[in-house]
Amino acid sequence: TSIGFLIENMDFSGIGMPATLFETQQIEVLRGPQGTLYGANALGGLINVRTEDPPPQFALHGEVTVGDYNTRAGGIALSDGFDDGLAGWRIAAHQYRSDGYRHNAFLGRDDTNGYDEGTVHGKIFWQITPALRANIRARGAEFLDKLQKLQKELPGLITKVQGTGLLFSCELAEQFKCFSADSTEEWMSEHGK
């Protein structure tokens, strides 16, 4: 079976599971076929790793690990928020090294299954402000107004224009097929539009 492995919705399936638990906020284990949402890499299930989100204020976090088999690890995470908590960023780096614990009798060595993993990841958080939302609506309303004017200039070709400013649509007359052979989309593709 195929088990999907995602880190922050990025597919790492089949790459050998490159992940340490530093800065991990949540691990989701989804059993059974997940192909509808995540594709063929998740037919047997899915492991989804989510890292810490940026906080609304400055934060610095560090971690050092020392253990058996010459294991040593270190990580640092730096983050900050701005725009009254509506935006923020976080960057984290972690290095993990270990000689491993298996003895290779043929080579006479104890460090043949060692680890040397380095990870760096960043995250940006941004919420749409009321001013930006109003700007998007205003631009959408302008576009909707232009479509309605175009409908008047081309009577019978544009049959319906509707929308709110954020979401709008335009229906064309039946002779304008949008998809399939001899469609408007095909003509536009052929003519570089």
N, C-alpha and C. Protein backbone atom coordinates (compact mmCIF):
# COMPACT_ATOMS: atom_id res chain seq x y z
N THR A 1 0.84 -1.19 0.00
CA THR A 1 0.00 0.00 0.00
C THR A 1 0.88 1.24 0.00
N SER A 2 0.26 2.33 -0.32
CA SER A 2 0.96 3.61 -0.41
C SER A 2 0.50 4.52 0.72
N ILE A 3 1.44 4.94 1.57
CA ILE A 3 1.14 5.84 2.68
C ILE A 3 1.70 7.21 2.32
N GLY A 4 0.86 8.22 2.33
CA GLY A 4 1.30 9.58 2.04
C GLY A 4 1.97 10.21 3.25
N PHE A 5 2.93 11.08 3.00
CA PHE A 5 3.63 11.78 4.08
C PHE A 5 3.73 13.25 3.70
N LEU A 6 3.02 14.11 4.43
CA LEU A 6 2.99 15.54 4.15
C LEU A 6 3.57 16.32 5.31
N ILE A 7 4.33 17.36 4.99
CA ILE A 7 4.77 18.34 5.97
C ILE A 7 4.23 19.68 5.48
N GLU A 8 3.34 20.28 6.26
CA GLU A 8 2.71 21.55 5.87
C GLU A 8 2.09 21.46 4.47
N ASN A 9 1.39 20.35 4.21
CA ASN A 9 0.70 20.10 2.94
C ASN A 9 1.63 19.97 1.74
N MET A 10 2.92 19.79 1.98
CA MET A 10 3.86 19.51 0.90
C MET A 10 4.15 18.02 0.91
N ASP A 11 4.03 17.37 -0.24
CA ASP A 11 4.13 15.92 -0.33
C ASP A 11 5.59 15.46 -0.32
N PHE A 12 5.95 14.71 0.71
CA PHE A 12 7.28 14.12 0.82
C PHE A 12 7.21 12.59 0.72
N SER A 13 6.14 12.06 0.19
CA SER A 13 5.96 10.62 0.08
C SER A 13 7.09 10.01 -0.74
N GLY A 14 7.65 8.93 -0.25
CA GLY A 14 8.68 8.21 -0.98
C GLY A 14 10.07 8.81 -0.89
N ILE A 15 10.26 9.88 -0.15
CA ILE A 15 11.56 10.52 -0.05
C ILE A 15 12.32 10.01 1.17
N GLY A 16 11.72 9.15 1.96
CA GLY A 16 12.42 8.61 3.12
C GLY A 16 12.02 9.28 4.41
N MET A 17 10.92 9.97 4.44
CA MET A 17 10.40 10.58 5.65
C MET A 17 11.40 11.52 6.33
N PRO A 18 11.81 12.59 5.66
CA PRO A 18 12.80 13.50 6.24
C PRO A 18 12.17 14.45 7.25
N ALA A 19 12.12 14.05 8.51
CA ALA A 19 11.48 14.93 9.48
C ALA A 19 12.00 14.69 10.88
N THR A 20 12.23 15.76 11.60
CA THR A 20 12.46 15.67 13.04
C THR A 20 11.23 16.27 13.70
N LEU A 21 11.10 16.09 14.99
CA LEU A 21 9.91 16.59 15.68
C LEU A 21 10.08 18.01 16.21
N PHE A 22 11.20 18.65 15.92
CA PHE A 22 11.42 20.02 16.37
C PHE A 22 10.38 20.94 15.73
N GLU A 23 9.75 21.76 16.55
CA GLU A 23 8.74 22.73 16.11
C GLU A 23 7.48 22.08 15.56
N THR A 24 7.21 20.83 15.92
CA THR A 24 6.00 20.16 15.45
C THR A 24 4.84 20.53 16.35
N GLN A 25 3.77 21.02 15.76
CA GLN A 25 2.57 21.39 16.51
C GLN A 25 1.61 20.20 16.59
N GLN A 26 1.48 19.47 15.47
CA GLN A 26 0.48 18.42 15.42
C GLN A 26 0.87 17.40 14.37
N ILE A 27 0.59 16.12 14.65
CA ILE A 27 0.77 15.05 13.68
C ILE A 27 -0.58 14.37 13.51
N GLU A 28 -1.09 14.35 12.30
CA GLU A 28 -2.36 13.69 12.01
C GLU A 28 -2.07 12.37 11.31
N VAL A 29 -2.69 11.30 11.76
CA VAL A 29 -2.58 10.00 11.12
C VAL A 29 -3.97 9.64 10.61
N LEU A 30 -4.13 9.63 9.30
CA LEU A 30 -5.41 9.33 8.67
C LEU A 30 -5.35 7.91 8.13
N ARG A 31 -6.21 7.06 8.63
CA ARG A 31 -6.21 5.65 8.23
C ARG A 31 -7.09 5.45 7.00
N GLY A 32 -6.71 4.48 6.18
CA GLY A 32 -7.51 4.12 5.02
C GLY A 32 -7.25 5.04 3.85
N PRO A 33 -7.92 4.75 2.73
CA PRO A 33 -7.68 5.53 1.50
C PRO A 33 -8.00 7.01 1.66
N GLN A 34 -7.04 7.84 1.27
CA GLN A 34 -7.19 9.30 1.30
C GLN A 34 -7.00 9.88 -0.09
N GLY A 35 -7.13 9.04 -1.12
CA GLY A 35 -6.85 9.45 -2.49
C GLY A 35 -7.71 10.59 -3.00
N THR A 36 -8.95 10.70 -2.49
CA THR A 36 -9.84 11.77 -2.96
C THR A 36 -9.25 13.14 -2.68
N LEU A 37 -8.69 13.32 -1.49
CA LEU A 37 -8.12 14.62 -1.12
C LEU A 37 -6.65 14.76 -1.45
N TYR A 38 -5.89 13.65 -1.35
CA TYR A 38 -4.44 13.75 -1.42
C TYR A 38 -3.81 13.00 -2.59
N GLY A 39 -4.60 12.36 -3.43
CA GLY A 39 -4.07 11.71 -4.62
C GLY A 39 -3.57 10.30 -4.37
N ALA A 40 -2.91 9.74 -5.39
CA ALA A 40 -2.50 8.33 -5.39
C ALA A 40 -1.47 8.00 -4.33
N ASN A 41 -0.74 8.97 -3.83
CA ASN A 41 0.27 8.69 -2.80
C ASN A 41 -0.34 8.37 -1.45
N ALA A 42 -1.65 8.51 -1.30
CA ALA A 42 -2.28 8.30 0.01
C ALA A 42 -3.36 7.23 -0.05
N LEU A 43 -3.18 6.20 -0.86
CA LEU A 43 -4.20 5.16 -0.98
C LEU A 43 -4.29 4.29 0.27
N GLY A 44 -3.20 4.15 1.03
CA GLY A 44 -3.20 3.35 2.24
C GLY A 44 -3.33 4.16 3.50
N GLY A 45 -3.35 5.46 3.40
CA GLY A 45 -3.43 6.33 4.57
C GLY A 45 -2.53 7.53 4.40
N LEU A 46 -2.43 8.33 5.45
CA LEU A 46 -1.67 9.57 5.35
C LEU A 46 -1.13 9.98 6.71
N ILE A 47 0.09 10.48 6.72
CA ILE A 47 0.67 11.12 7.91
C ILE A 47 0.88 12.58 7.54
N ASN A 48 0.26 13.47 8.29
CA ASN A 48 0.32 14.90 7.99
C ASN A 48 0.94 15.62 9.19
N VAL A 49 2.10 16.25 8.97
CA VAL A 49 2.82 16.96 10.03
C VAL A 49 2.58 18.45 9.88
N ARG A 50 2.17 19.08 10.97
CA ARG A 50 1.97 20.54 10.97
C ARG A 50 2.94 21.16 11.97
N THR A 51 3.59 22.23 11.54
CA THR A 51 4.54 22.91 12.41
C THR A 51 3.87 24.07 13.13
N GLU A 52 4.58 24.65 14.09
CA GLU A 52 4.05 25.76 14.89
C GLU A 52 3.72 26.96 14.00
N ASP A 53 2.62 27.61 14.31
CA ASP A 53 2.24 28.84 13.60
C ASP A 53 2.97 30.04 14.20
N PRO A 54 3.13 31.10 13.43
CA PRO A 54 3.75 32.32 13.98
C PRO A 54 2.86 32.93 15.06
N PRO A 55 3.43 33.28 16.21
CA PRO A 55 2.63 33.93 17.26
C PRO A 55 2.46 35.42 16.95
N PRO A 56 1.56 36.10 17.66
CA PRO A 56 1.34 37.52 17.40
C PRO A 56 2.47 38.42 17.91
N GLN A 57 3.39 37.89 18.73
CA GLN A 57 4.48 38.70 19.28
C GLN A 57 5.81 37.99 19.04
N PHE A 58 6.89 38.69 19.34
CA PHE A 58 8.24 38.14 19.15
C PHE A 58 8.43 36.89 20.02
N ALA A 59 9.08 35.87 19.45
CA ALA A 59 9.37 34.66 20.20
C ALA A 59 10.68 34.06 19.71
N LEU A 60 11.44 33.51 20.64
CA LEU A 60 12.70 32.84 20.33
C LEU A 60 12.70 31.54 21.12
N HIS A 61 12.96 30.44 20.43
CA HIS A 61 12.92 29.12 21.07
C HIS A 61 14.13 28.34 20.62
N GLY A 62 14.80 27.70 21.55
CA GLY A 62 15.96 26.88 21.22
C GLY A 62 15.89 25.54 21.92
N GLU A 63 16.62 24.57 21.37
CA GLU A 63 16.63 23.24 21.94
C GLU A 63 17.97 22.57 21.65
N VAL A 64 18.52 21.91 22.66
CA VAL A 64 19.77 21.17 22.49
C VAL A 64 19.55 19.77 23.05
N THR A 65 20.01 18.76 22.31
CA THR A 65 19.86 17.37 22.73
C THR A 65 21.20 16.67 22.65
N VAL A 66 21.51 15.88 23.68
CA VAL A 66 22.72 15.05 23.70
C VAL A 66 22.30 13.68 24.20
N GLY A 67 22.81 12.61 23.54
CA GLY A 67 22.40 11.28 23.95
C GLY A 67 23.43 10.22 23.63
N ASP A 68 23.04 8.99 23.85
CA ASP A 68 23.90 7.84 23.56
C ASP A 68 24.23 7.76 22.07
N TYR A 69 25.24 6.97 21.76
CA TYR A 69 25.68 6.72 20.39
C TYR A 69 26.08 8.01 19.67
N ASN A 70 26.69 8.89 20.44
CA ASN A 70 27.18 10.16 19.91
C ASN A 70 26.05 11.00 19.28
N THR A 71 24.88 10.91 19.87
CA THR A 71 23.73 11.67 19.38
C THR A 71 23.81 13.10 19.87
N ARG A 72 23.65 14.03 18.96
CA ARG A 72 23.61 15.45 19.29
C ARG A 72 22.70 16.17 18.31
N ALA A 73 21.95 17.10 18.85
CA ALA A 73 20.99 17.84 18.02
C ALA A 73 20.84 19.24 18.58
N GLY A 74 20.52 20.16 17.71
CA GLY A 74 20.28 21.53 18.13
C GLY A 74 19.33 22.20 17.16
N GLY A 75 18.48 23.04 17.70
CA GLY A 75 17.53 23.76 16.86
C GLY A 75 17.22 25.11 17.42
N ILE A 76 16.83 26.01 16.54
CA ILE A 76 16.44 27.35 16.95
C ILE A 76 15.27 27.80 16.08
N ALA A 77 14.33 28.49 16.71
CA ALA A 77 13.17 29.03 16.00
C ALA A 77 13.01 30.49 16.41
N LEU A 78 12.79 31.32 15.43
CA LEU A 78 12.64 32.75 15.63
C LEU A 78 11.36 33.19 14.93
N SER A 79 10.55 33.99 15.61
CA SER A 79 9.30 34.43 15.00
C SER A 79 8.89 35.79 15.53
N ASP A 80 8.02 36.44 14.79
CA ASP A 80 7.50 37.74 15.20
C ASP A 80 6.18 37.99 14.50
N GLY A 81 5.35 38.78 15.14
CA GLY A 81 4.09 39.19 14.56
C GLY A 81 4.09 40.70 14.35
N PHE A 82 3.26 41.15 13.45
CA PHE A 82 3.14 42.58 13.21
C PHE A 82 1.74 42.89 12.70
N ASP A 83 1.47 44.14 12.46
CA ASP A 83 0.16 44.60 12.00
C ASP A 83 -0.94 44.18 12.97
N ASP A 84 -0.69 44.41 14.27
CA ASP A 84 -1.64 44.09 15.34
C ASP A 84 -2.09 42.63 15.32
N GLY A 85 -1.17 41.73 15.06
CA GLY A 85 -1.48 40.31 15.08
C GLY A 85 -2.11 39.76 13.82
N LEU A 86 -2.28 40.59 12.79
CA LEU A 86 -2.88 40.13 11.55
C LEU A 86 -1.86 39.46 10.62
N ALA A 87 -0.59 39.58 10.96
CA ALA A 87 0.45 38.97 10.13
C ALA A 87 1.62 38.56 11.02
N GLY A 88 2.40 37.61 10.52
CA GLY A 88 3.56 37.17 11.28
C GLY A 88 4.42 36.23 10.46
N TRP A 89 5.59 35.92 11.00
CA TRP A 89 6.51 35.02 10.31
C TRP A 89 7.22 34.15 11.35
N ARG A 90 7.72 33.02 10.90
CA ARG A 90 8.46 32.10 11.76
C ARG A 90 9.48 31.37 10.90
N ILE A 91 10.71 31.25 11.40
CA ILE A 91 11.74 30.48 10.71
C ILE A 91 12.39 29.57 11.76
N ALA A 92 12.63 28.34 11.36
CA ALA A 92 13.21 27.37 12.28
C ALA A 92 14.28 26.55 11.56
N ALA A 93 15.34 26.23 12.28
CA ALA A 93 16.41 25.39 11.74
C ALA A 93 16.77 24.34 12.79
N HIS A 94 17.05 23.12 12.34
CA HIS A 94 17.36 22.04 13.26
C HIS A 94 18.38 21.11 12.61
N GLN A 95 19.34 20.66 13.40
CA GLN A 95 20.37 19.72 12.93
C GLN A 95 20.38 18.54 13.89
N TYR A 96 20.34 17.31 13.34
CA TYR A 96 20.35 16.09 14.15
C TYR A 96 21.43 15.16 13.61
N ARG A 97 22.32 14.70 14.50
CA ARG A 97 23.39 13.79 14.11
C ARG A 97 23.49 12.67 15.14
N SER A 98 23.74 11.46 14.65
CA SER A 98 23.92 10.31 15.53
C SER A 98 24.71 9.24 14.78
N ASP A 99 25.56 8.51 15.51
CA ASP A 99 26.33 7.42 14.90
C ASP A 99 25.49 6.18 14.67
N GLY A 100 24.32 6.11 15.26
CA GLY A 100 23.50 4.91 15.15
C GLY A 100 23.89 3.90 16.21
N TYR A 101 23.13 2.82 16.31
CA TYR A 101 23.35 1.86 17.38
C TYR A 101 23.64 0.44 16.88
N ARG A 102 23.67 0.22 15.59
CA ARG A 102 23.94 -1.12 15.07
C ARG A 102 25.44 -1.35 14.91
N HIS A 103 25.84 -2.56 15.21
CA HIS A 103 27.24 -2.95 15.02
C HIS A 103 27.34 -3.71 13.70
N ASN A 104 28.20 -3.24 12.80
CA ASN A 104 28.44 -3.92 11.53
C ASN A 104 29.64 -4.83 11.72
N ALA A 105 29.37 -6.15 11.89
CA ALA A 105 30.44 -7.12 12.16
C ALA A 105 31.40 -7.24 10.98
N PHE A 106 30.89 -7.11 9.77
CA PHE A 106 31.75 -7.25 8.60
C PHE A 106 32.78 -6.12 8.53
N LEU A 107 32.34 -4.89 8.77
CA LEU A 107 33.25 -3.75 8.73
C LEU A 107 33.92 -3.49 10.07
N GLY A 108 33.39 -4.11 11.14
CA GLY A 108 33.94 -3.87 12.47
C GLY A 108 33.68 -2.46 12.95
N ARG A 109 32.53 -1.87 12.57
CA ARG A 109 32.21 -0.49 12.94
C ARG A 109 30.85 -0.42 13.62
N ASP A 110 30.67 0.62 14.44
CA ASP A 110 29.40 0.85 15.13
C ASP A 110 28.66 2.08 14.61
N ASP A 111 29.14 2.71 13.55
CA ASP A 111 28.54 3.97 13.08
C ASP A 111 28.00 3.87 11.65
N THR A 112 27.59 2.68 11.22
CA THR A 112 27.18 2.53 9.82
C THR A 112 25.71 2.89 9.57
N ASN A 113 24.91 3.06 10.58
CA ASN A 113 23.53 3.49 10.34
C ASN A 113 23.29 4.86 10.99
N GLY A 114 24.26 5.73 10.83
CA GLY A 114 24.18 7.05 11.43
C GLY A 114 23.17 7.96 10.75
N TYR A 115 22.85 9.03 11.44
CA TYR A 115 21.93 10.05 10.93
C TYR A 115 22.66 11.37 10.83
N ASP A 116 22.33 12.12 9.80
CA ASP A 116 22.82 13.48 9.65
C ASP A 116 21.74 14.25 8.91
N GLU A 117 20.77 14.75 9.66
CA GLU A 117 19.61 15.43 9.07
C GLU A 117 19.62 16.90 9.44
N GLY A 118 19.47 17.73 8.45
CA GLY A 118 19.32 19.16 8.68
C GLY A 118 18.03 19.64 8.05
N THR A 119 17.27 20.42 8.78
CA THR A 119 16.01 20.95 8.25
C THR A 119 15.93 22.45 8.53
N VAL A 120 15.38 23.16 7.58
CA VAL A 120 15.08 24.58 7.72
C VAL A 120 13.70 24.80 7.13
N HIS A 121 12.85 25.48 7.85
CA HIS A 121 11.54 25.81 7.28
C HIS A 121 11.09 27.18 7.76
N GLY A 122 10.29 27.79 6.95
CA GLY A 122 9.74 29.10 7.27
C GLY A 122 8.24 29.10 7.07
N LYS A 123 7.58 30.01 7.72
CA LYS A 123 6.13 30.10 7.64
C LYS A 123 5.73 31.57 7.72
N ILE A 124 4.81 31.96 6.86
CA ILE A 124 4.29 33.33 6.87
C ILE A 124 2.79 33.26 7.10
N PHE A 125 2.30 34.11 7.97
CA PHE A 125 0.87 34.16 8.29
C PHE A 125 0.37 35.57 7.96
N TRP A 126 -0.76 35.63 7.26
CA TRP A 126 -1.30 36.93 6.88
C TRP A 126 -2.80 36.84 6.78
N GLN A 127 -3.50 37.71 7.45
CA GLN A 127 -4.95 37.78 7.34
C GLN A 127 -5.34 38.99 6.52
N ILE A 128 -6.38 38.83 5.75
CA ILE A 128 -6.87 39.95 4.94
C ILE A 128 -7.50 40.98 5.87
N THR A 129 -7.05 42.21 5.76
CA THR A 129 -7.60 43.28 6.60
C THR A 129 -8.92 43.77 6.01
N PRO A 130 -9.73 44.42 6.81
CA PRO A 130 -10.98 44.98 6.27
C PRO A 130 -10.73 45.96 5.12
N ALA A 131 -9.64 46.73 5.18
CA ALA A 131 -9.34 47.67 4.10
C ALA A 131 -9.02 46.94 2.79
N LEU A 132 -8.23 45.85 2.88
CA LEU A 132 -7.90 45.08 1.68
C LEU A 132 -9.15 44.40 1.12
N ARG A 133 -9.99 43.87 2.00
CA ARG A 133 -11.23 43.24 1.55
C ARG A 133 -12.11 44.26 0.82
N ALA A 134 -12.19 45.48 1.35
CA ALA A 134 -12.97 46.54 0.70
C ALA A 134 -12.37 46.89 -0.66
N ASN A 135 -11.04 46.91 -0.76
CA ASN A 135 -10.37 47.19 -2.03
C ASN A 135 -10.69 46.10 -3.05
N ILE A 136 -10.64 44.84 -2.63
CA ILE A 136 -10.96 43.74 -3.55
C ILE A 136 -12.40 43.85 -4.02
N ARG A 137 -13.31 44.16 -3.11
CA ARG A 137 -14.72 44.32 -3.50
C ARG A 137 -14.90 45.48 -4.48
N ALA A 138 -14.19 46.58 -4.22
CA ALA A 138 -14.31 47.75 -5.11
C ALA A 138 -13.80 47.41 -6.52
N ARG A 139 -12.65 46.73 -6.60
CA ARG A 139 -12.12 46.34 -7.92
C ARG A 139 -13.07 45.36 -8.61
N GLY A 140 -13.65 44.44 -7.82
CA GLY A 140 -14.61 43.49 -8.39
C GLY A 140 -15.86 44.19 -8.89
N ALA A 141 -16.32 45.20 -8.15
CA ALA A 141 -17.49 45.97 -8.58
C ALA A 141 -17.19 46.73 -9.87
N GLU A 142 -15.97 47.28 -9.99
CA GLU A 142 -15.57 47.95 -11.23
C GLU A 142 -15.60 46.98 -12.41
N PHE A 143 -15.06 45.77 -12.20
CA PHE A 143 -15.03 44.77 -13.26
C PHE A 143 -16.45 44.35 -13.63
N LEU A 144 -17.31 44.19 -12.63
CA LEU A 144 -18.71 43.84 -12.87
C LEU A 144 -19.41 44.94 -13.68
N ASP A 145 -19.13 46.20 -13.36
CA ASP A 145 -19.69 47.32 -14.10
C ASP A 145 -19.23 47.30 -15.56
N LYS A 146 -17.95 47.00 -15.78
CA LYS A 146 -17.43 46.93 -17.16
C LYS A 146 -18.07 45.78 -17.93
N LEU A 147 -18.32 44.65 -17.26
CA LEU A 147 -19.00 43.54 -17.93
C LEU A 147 -20.43 43.92 -18.32
N GLN A 148 -21.11 44.65 -17.43
CA GLN A 148 -22.48 45.07 -17.74
C GLN A 148 -22.51 46.05 -18.92
N LYS A 149 -21.53 46.95 -19.00
CA LYS A 149 -21.43 47.85 -20.14
C LYS A 149 -21.15 47.08 -21.42
N LEU A 150 -20.27 46.07 -21.33
CA LEU A 150 -19.96 45.24 -22.49
C LEU A 150 -21.19 44.46 -22.94
N GLN A 151 -22.02 44.03 -21.99
CA GLN A 151 -23.25 43.33 -22.32
C GLN A 151 -24.19 44.23 -23.14
N LYS A 152 -24.24 45.53 -22.80
CA LYS A 152 -25.08 46.46 -23.55
C LYS A 152 -24.52 46.74 -24.94
N GLU A 153 -23.17 46.73 -25.05
CA GLU A 153 -22.54 46.97 -26.35
C GLU A 153 -22.67 45.77 -27.28
N LEU A 154 -22.79 44.59 -26.72
CA LEU A 154 -22.89 43.36 -27.50
C LEU A 154 -24.21 42.66 -27.20
N PRO A 155 -25.34 43.25 -27.61
CA PRO A 155 -26.64 42.67 -27.27
C PRO A 155 -26.79 41.27 -27.88
N GLY A 156 -27.27 40.34 -27.06
CA GLY A 156 -27.49 38.98 -27.51
C GLY A 156 -26.27 38.08 -27.39
N LEU A 157 -25.07 38.65 -27.31
CA LEU A 157 -23.87 37.82 -27.18
C LEU A 157 -23.55 37.50 -25.72
N ILE A 158 -23.74 38.48 -24.85
CA ILE A 158 -23.60 38.24 -23.41
C ILE A 158 -25.02 38.25 -22.85
N THR A 159 -25.47 37.10 -22.35
CA THR A 159 -26.87 36.97 -21.96
C THR A 159 -27.15 37.33 -20.50
N LYS A 160 -26.13 37.19 -19.64
CA LYS A 160 -26.37 37.46 -18.23
C LYS A 160 -25.07 37.85 -17.54
N VAL A 161 -25.14 38.87 -16.68
CA VAL A 161 -24.02 39.28 -15.85
C VAL A 161 -24.55 39.40 -14.43
N GLN A 162 -23.84 38.77 -13.49
CA GLN A 162 -24.28 38.85 -12.09
C GLN A 162 -23.07 38.78 -11.18
N GLY A 163 -23.23 39.25 -9.95
CA GLY A 163 -22.13 39.17 -9.00
C GLY A 163 -22.26 40.14 -7.87
N THR A 164 -21.31 40.02 -6.92
CA THR A 164 -21.32 40.85 -5.72
C THR A 164 -20.09 41.74 -5.62
N GLY A 165 -19.12 41.55 -6.47
CA GLY A 165 -17.86 42.28 -6.38
C GLY A 165 -16.72 41.35 -6.04
N LEU A 166 -16.95 40.39 -5.13
CA LEU A 166 -15.95 39.38 -4.85
C LEU A 166 -16.12 38.18 -5.77
N LEU A 167 -17.35 37.92 -6.15
CA LEU A 167 -17.66 36.78 -7.00
C LEU A 167 -18.62 37.27 -8.07
N PHE A 168 -18.28 36.99 -9.33
CA PHE A 168 -19.15 37.42 -10.41
C PHE A 168 -19.06 36.43 -11.55
N SER A 169 -20.07 36.45 -12.42
CA SER A 169 -20.08 35.55 -13.57
C SER A 169 -20.72 36.25 -14.76
N CYS A 170 -20.44 35.69 -15.93
CA CYS A 170 -20.94 36.23 -17.18
C CYS A 170 -21.33 35.05 -18.07
N GLU A 171 -22.56 35.02 -18.53
CA GLU A 171 -23.01 33.94 -19.41
C GLU A 171 -23.02 34.43 -20.85
N LEU A 172 -22.50 33.58 -21.74
CA LEU A 172 -22.45 33.91 -23.16
C LEU A 172 -23.59 33.23 -23.89
N ALA A 173 -23.89 33.72 -25.07
CA ALA A 173 -24.94 33.12 -25.90
C ALA A 173 -24.55 31.68 -26.25
N GLU A 174 -25.54 30.86 -26.63
CA GLU A 174 -25.32 29.43 -26.86
C GLU A 174 -24.31 29.14 -27.94
N GLN A 175 -24.14 30.04 -28.93
CA GLN A 175 -23.18 29.75 -30.00
C GLN A 175 -21.73 29.80 -29.52
N PHE A 176 -21.50 30.31 -28.31
CA PHE A 176 -20.15 30.35 -27.75
C PHE A 176 -19.97 29.21 -26.75
N LYS A 177 -19.51 28.06 -27.23
CA LYS A 177 -19.20 26.95 -26.33
C LYS A 177 -17.89 27.29 -25.62
N CYS A 178 -17.85 27.09 -24.34
CA CYS A 178 -16.63 27.43 -23.59
C CYS A 178 -15.59 26.33 -23.62
N PHE A 179 -16.02 25.06 -23.64
CA PHE A 179 -15.09 23.95 -23.61
C PHE A 179 -15.40 22.97 -24.74
N SER A 180 -14.49 22.07 -25.00
CA SER A 180 -14.57 21.00 -26.01
C SER A 180 -14.13 21.52 -27.37
N ALA A 181 -14.31 20.69 -28.39
CA ALA A 181 -13.85 21.04 -29.74
C ALA A 181 -14.59 22.27 -30.27
N ASP A 182 -13.89 23.10 -31.00
CA ASP A 182 -14.44 24.33 -31.58
C ASP A 182 -15.01 25.27 -30.52
N SER A 183 -14.42 25.29 -29.35
CA SER A 183 -14.91 26.14 -28.27
C SER A 183 -14.13 27.43 -28.19
N THR A 184 -14.64 28.37 -27.41
CA THR A 184 -13.97 29.64 -27.18
C THR A 184 -12.61 29.42 -26.55
N GLU A 185 -12.52 28.49 -25.59
CA GLU A 185 -11.26 28.19 -24.93
C GLU A 185 -10.23 27.68 -25.93
N GLU A 186 -10.64 26.77 -26.82
CA GLU A 186 -9.73 26.22 -27.82
C GLU A 186 -9.25 27.32 -28.77
N TRP A 187 -10.16 28.20 -29.21
CA TRP A 187 -9.79 29.29 -30.11
C TRP A 187 -8.77 30.21 -29.43
N MET A 188 -9.01 30.53 -28.16
CA MET A 188 -8.10 31.41 -27.43
C MET A 188 -6.73 30.77 -27.26
N SER A 189 -6.69 29.46 -27.01
CA SER A 189 -5.41 28.76 -26.87
C SER A 189 -4.64 28.77 -28.19
N GLU A 190 -5.34 28.53 -29.29
CA GLU A 190 -4.70 28.50 -30.60
C GLU A 190 -4.19 29.85 -31.04
N HIS A 191 -4.85 30.92 -30.60
CA HIS A 191 -4.49 32.26 -31.03
C HIS A 191 -3.70 33.04 -29.97
N GLY A 192 -3.24 32.34 -28.93
CA GLY A 192 -2.38 32.97 -27.92
C GLY A 192 -3.08 33.99 -27.07
N LYS A 193 -4.32 33.83 -26.82
CA LYS A 193 -5.08 34.78 -26.00
C LYS A 193 -5.18 34.30 -24.57
